[in-house]
């Protein structure tokens, strides 16, 4: 089945735990990407009011993802900064 299967009881438990955590992390990363795509869609339509109203939600989503370690704090800050700059240029 697996080439390097865990052979102690604690290692087998860790394999199970890592599999569960991987699923959680994937769903969180998907929420993060979906939020960014939604904001980019708003920006493509050049709708400043919608973009400004969605910005706090996006910021909140990014900080939640950052807190759990899915992305780093600088990555989240960079994304927020770039999006804010785009909104201001609308």
Protein backbone atom coordinates (compact mmCIF):
# COMPACT_ATOMS: atom_id res chain seq x y z
CA UNK A 1 0.00 0.00 0.00
CA UNK A 2 2.47 2.68 1.15
CA UNK A 3 6.23 2.46 0.72
CA UNK A 4 7.08 4.08 4.05
CA UNK A 5 4.17 3.24 6.30
CA UNK A 6 4.37 4.43 9.88
CA UNK A 7 5.27 1.58 12.21
CA UNK A 8 4.62 2.93 15.70
CA UNK A 9 1.25 3.59 17.26
CA UNK A 10 1.90 7.32 17.69
CA UNK A 11 3.19 7.65 14.11
CA UNK A 12 0.05 5.96 12.78
CA UNK A 13 -2.07 8.45 14.77
CA UNK A 14 -0.02 11.34 13.39
CA UNK A 15 -0.60 10.13 9.83
CA UNK A 16 -4.35 10.17 10.48
CA UNK A 17 -4.18 13.62 12.08
CA UNK A 18 -2.08 15.05 9.24
CA UNK A 19 -4.58 13.73 6.68
CA UNK A 20 -7.45 15.48 8.49
CA UNK A 21 -5.47 18.70 8.88
CA UNK A 22 -4.52 18.66 5.19
CA UNK A 23 -8.22 18.63 4.28
CA UNK A 24 -8.91 21.56 6.62
CA UNK A 25 -5.99 23.52 5.19
CA UNK A 26 -7.13 22.85 1.62
CA UNK A 27 -10.59 24.20 2.35
CA UNK A 28 -9.14 27.29 4.04
CA UNK A 29 -6.79 27.92 1.12
CA UNK A 30 -9.75 27.54 -1.26
CA UNK A 31 -11.75 30.15 0.71
CA UNK A 32 -8.76 32.50 0.51
CA UNK A 33 -8.39 32.07 -3.25
CA UNK A 34 -12.14 32.41 -3.78
CA UNK A 35 -12.18 35.70 -1.83
CA UNK A 36 -9.29 37.08 -3.92
CA UNK A 37 -10.96 36.03 -7.16
CA UNK A 38 -14.21 37.67 -6.07
CA UNK A 39 -12.40 40.93 -5.34
CA UNK A 40 -10.56 40.80 -8.68
CA UNK A 41 -13.91 40.27 -10.42
CA UNK A 42 -15.29 43.37 -8.70
CA UNK A 43 -12.17 45.32 -9.73
CA UNK A 44 -12.52 44.22 -13.37
CA UNK A 45 -16.05 45.65 -13.39
CA UNK A 46 -14.56 48.91 -12.05
CA UNK A 47 -17.22 49.13 -9.37
CA UNK A 48 -15.57 51.18 -6.62
CA UNK A 49 -18.49 51.09 -4.17
CA UNK A 50 -18.73 47.28 -4.26
CA UNK A 51 -14.95 47.01 -3.94
CA UNK A 52 -14.91 49.29 -0.91
CA UNK A 53 -17.73 47.38 0.74
CA UNK A 54 -16.04 44.00 0.09
CA UNK A 55 -12.57 45.14 1.24
CA UNK A 56 -13.20 44.65 5.01
CA UNK A 57 -14.56 41.14 4.36
CA UNK A 58 -11.51 40.30 2.27
CA UNK A 59 -9.20 41.74 4.90
CA UNK A 60 -10.92 39.67 7.59
CA UNK A 61 -10.65 36.51 5.48
CA UNK A 62 -6.96 37.08 4.81
CA UNK A 63 -6.20 37.67 8.48
CA UNK A 64 -8.04 34.47 9.47
CA UNK A 65 -5.98 32.51 6.96
CA UNK A 66 -2.81 34.21 8.21
CA UNK A 67 -3.63 33.41 11.83
CA UNK A 68 -3.90 29.70 11.05
CA UNK A 69 -0.61 29.71 9.14
CA UNK A 70 -1.92 28.98 5.66
CA UNK A 71 -0.21 32.09 4.31
CA UNK A 72 2.34 34.36 5.92
CA UNK A 73 1.49 37.78 7.35
CA UNK A 74 3.57 39.63 4.74
CA UNK A 75 1.76 37.80 1.96
CA UNK A 76 -1.62 38.90 3.34
CA UNK A 77 -0.40 42.47 3.83
CA UNK A 78 0.99 42.57 0.29
CA UNK A 79 -2.32 41.35 -1.13
CA UNK A 80 -4.31 43.92 0.85
CA UNK A 81 -1.92 46.68 -0.17
CA UNK A 82 -2.09 45.86 -3.87
CA UNK A 83 -5.87 45.57 -3.85
CA UNK A 84 -6.26 48.85 -1.94
CA UNK A 85 -4.01 50.54 -4.46
CA UNK A 86 -6.14 49.19 -7.31
CA UNK A 87 -9.32 50.43 -5.60
CA UNK A 88 -7.84 53.90 -5.15
CA UNK A 89 -6.92 54.01 -8.85
CA UNK A 90 -10.53 53.28 -9.93
